[in-house]
C-alpha atoms as a PDB file:
ATOM      1  CA  MET A   1     112.520  74.980  98.846  1.00  0.00           C
ATOM      2  CA  GLU A   2     112.903  71.659  97.057  1.00  0.00           C
ATOM      3  CA  GLN A   3     110.037  72.582  94.739  1.00  0.00           C
ATOM      4  CA  VAL A   4     111.640  75.954  93.914  1.00  0.00           C
ATOM      5  CA  LEU A   5     114.946  74.271  93.066  1.00  0.00           C
ATOM      6  CA  THR A   6     113.218  71.635  90.950  1.00  0.00           C
ATOM      7  CA  ALA A   7     111.171  74.252  89.106  1.00  0.00           C
ATOM      8  CA  PHE A   8     114.019  76.666  88.363  1.00  0.00           C
ATOM      9  CA  THR A   9     116.524  73.991  87.310  1.00  0.00           C
ATOM     10  CA  GLY A  10     114.168  71.666  85.448  1.00  0.00           C
ATOM     11  CA  SER A  11     112.261  71.891  82.220  1.00  0.00           C
ATOM     12  CA  PRO A  12     109.671  74.608  81.610  1.00  0.00           C
ATOM     13  CA  GLU A  13     107.007  71.895  81.523  1.00  0.00           C
ATOM     14  CA  ARG A  14     107.981  70.625  84.981  1.00  0.00           C
ATOM     15  CA  ALA A  15     108.192  74.200  86.287  1.00  0.00           C
ATOM     16  CA  ARG A  16     104.652  74.856  85.058  1.00  0.00           C
ATOM     17  CA  GLU A  17     103.360  71.748  86.841  1.00  0.00           C
ATOM     18  CA  ILE A  18     105.021  72.807  90.094  1.00  0.00           C
ATOM     19  CA  VAL A  19     103.919  76.453  89.924  1.00  0.00           C
ATOM     20  CA  MET A  20     100.332  75.604  88.986  1.00  0.00           C
ATOM     21  CA  ALA A  21     100.074  73.009  91.760  1.00  0.00           C
ATOM     22  CA  SER A  22     101.402  75.531  94.287  1.00  0.00           C
ATOM     23  CA  GLY A  23      98.645  78.047  93.563  1.00  0.00           C
ATOM     24  CA  ALA A  24     101.229  80.832  93.271  1.00  0.00           C
ATOM     25  CA  SER A  25     100.055  84.100  91.762  1.00  0.00           C
ATOM     26  CA  TYR A  26     103.505  85.463  90.938  1.00  0.00           C
ATOM     27  CA  LEU A  27     106.951  84.161  90.102  1.00  0.00           C
ATOM     28  CA  ALA A  28     110.042  86.266  90.797  1.00  0.00           C
ATOM     29  CA  GLY A  29     113.798  86.029  90.702  1.00  0.00           C
ATOM     30  CA  CYS A  30     116.834  88.284  90.698  1.00  0.00           C
ATOM     31  CA  PRO A  31     119.421  87.807  87.956  1.00  0.00           C
ATOM     32  CA  GLY A  32     122.981  87.993  89.199  1.00  0.00           C
ATOM     33  CA  LEU A  33     122.377  86.671  92.701  1.00  0.00           C
ATOM     34  CA  SER A  34     124.581  83.732  93.612  1.00  0.00           C
ATOM     35  CA  GLU A  35     121.613  81.338  93.731  1.00  0.00           C
ATOM     36  CA  THR A  36     120.144  82.282  90.361  1.00  0.00           C
ATOM     37  CA  GLU A  37     123.617  82.345  88.797  1.00  0.00           C
ATOM     38  CA  ILE A  38     124.074  78.726  89.907  1.00  0.00           C
ATOM     39  CA  TYR A  39     120.751  77.797  88.287  1.00  0.00           C
ATOM     40  CA  ARG A  40     121.760  79.546  85.072  1.00  0.00           C
ATOM     41  CA  ARG A  41     125.330  78.220  84.983  1.00  0.00           C
ATOM     42  CA  ASP A  42     124.707  74.625  86.058  1.00  0.00           C
ATOM     43  CA  PHE A  43     121.383  74.144  84.277  1.00  0.00           C
ATOM     44  CA  PRO A  44     121.674  76.150  81.020  1.00  0.00           C
ATOM     45  CA  GLU A  45     118.571  74.475  79.545  1.00  0.00           C
ATOM     46  CA  GLY A  46     116.632  74.860  82.795  1.00  0.00           C
ATOM     47  CA  PHE A  47     113.606  77.036  83.355  1.00  0.00           C
ATOM     48  CA  TRP A  48     115.399  79.920  85.109  1.00  0.00           C
ATOM     49  CA  ALA A  49     118.166  80.124  82.496  1.00  0.00           C
ATOM     50  CA  ARG A  50     115.538  80.298  79.776  1.00  0.00           C
ATOM     51  CA  LEU A  51     113.489  82.942  81.608  1.00  0.00           C
ATOM     52  CA  GLN A  52     116.552  85.065  82.265  1.00  0.00           C
ATOM     53  CA  ALA A  53     117.537  84.778  78.596  1.00  0.00           C
ATOM     54  CA  GLY A  54     114.190  86.301  77.661  1.00  0.00           C
ATOM     55  CA  GLU A  55     112.208  83.245  76.630  1.00  0.00           C
ATOM     56  CA  ARG A  56     108.496  83.719  77.250  1.00  0.00           C
ATOM     57  CA  PHE A  57     105.832  81.215  78.221  1.00  0.00           C
ATOM     58  CA  ASP A  58     102.104  81.545  77.631  1.00  0.00           C
ATOM     59  CA  TRP A  59     101.297  80.858  81.284  1.00  0.00           C
ATOM     60  CA  LEU A  60     103.428  83.756  82.562  1.00  0.00           C
ATOM     61  CA  GLN A  61     102.803  87.464  82.022  1.00  0.00           C
ATOM     62  CA  PRO A  62     105.816  89.759  82.603  1.00  0.00           C
ATOM     63  CA  VAL A  63     105.244  92.405  85.273  1.00  0.00           C
ATOM     64  CA  PRO A  64     107.309  95.589  84.968  1.00  0.00           C
ATOM     65  CA  VAL A  65     109.158  96.365  88.203  1.00  0.00           C
ATOM     66  CA  ARG A  66     112.009  98.676  89.170  1.00  0.00           C
ATOM     67  CA  GLY A  67     115.358  97.203  90.011  1.00  0.00           C
ATOM     68  CA  PRO A  68     117.045  94.022  89.028  1.00  0.00           C
ATOM     69  CA  ALA A  69     114.164  91.631  89.839  1.00  0.00           C
ATOM     70  CA  LEU A  70     112.252  89.819  87.132  1.00  0.00           C
ATOM     71  CA  VAL A  71     108.580  89.201  87.944  1.00  0.00           C
ATOM     72  CA  TRP A  72     105.778  87.370  86.150  1.00  0.00           C
ATOM     73  CA  ARG A  73     102.097  86.951  86.968  1.00  0.00           C
ATOM     74  CA  VAL A  74     101.033  83.324  86.809  1.00  0.00           C
ATOM     75  CA  ILE A  75      98.078  82.838  84.487  1.00  0.00           C
ATOM     76  CA  GLN A  76      96.028  80.053  86.049  1.00  0.00           C
ATOM     77  CA  PRO A  77      93.846  78.049  83.663  1.00  0.00           C
ATOM     78  CA  LEU A  78      90.101  78.466  84.040  1.00  0.00           C
ATOM     79  CA  ARG A  79      88.482  75.671  85.949  1.00  0.00           C
ATOM     80  CA  GLU A  80      85.514  73.912  84.413  1.00  0.00           C
ATOM     81  CA  GLY A  81      82.275  75.606  85.366  1.00  0.00           C
ATOM     82  CA  ARG A  82      83.992  78.899  86.210  1.00  0.00           C
ATOM     83  CA  SER A  83      83.738  82.001  84.088  1.00  0.00           C
ATOM     84  CA  ALA A  84      86.456  84.572  83.554  1.00  0.00           C
ATOM     85  CA  PRO A  85      86.335  87.647  85.845  1.00  0.00           C
END
C-alpha cells in the first residue's frame, strides 16, 4: 500500500519507477472516490491528479472500460536480448 500511495501522490517519474519495478500489467483508479480525491486535492502536481486531468504518459496505454474507472495498460520496456511478441 505504501508503494501505491507513493506512486499516486509523487511525480510521474517516481510513479513509473514504482510501477515498472512491481511488474504490474495494468494501472487503475476511480475518480471521485474518497481516496483518489485526497490524492488529487492534496497532491495537485502528483501522478494521480495529472492522470485524472487527462495527461498521458508514453509508458501507459489507456484501456476503454465502462463505468467510472480509469484503466491503463503498462507498457514494459523490452529487455535486452528479447524480441517483441
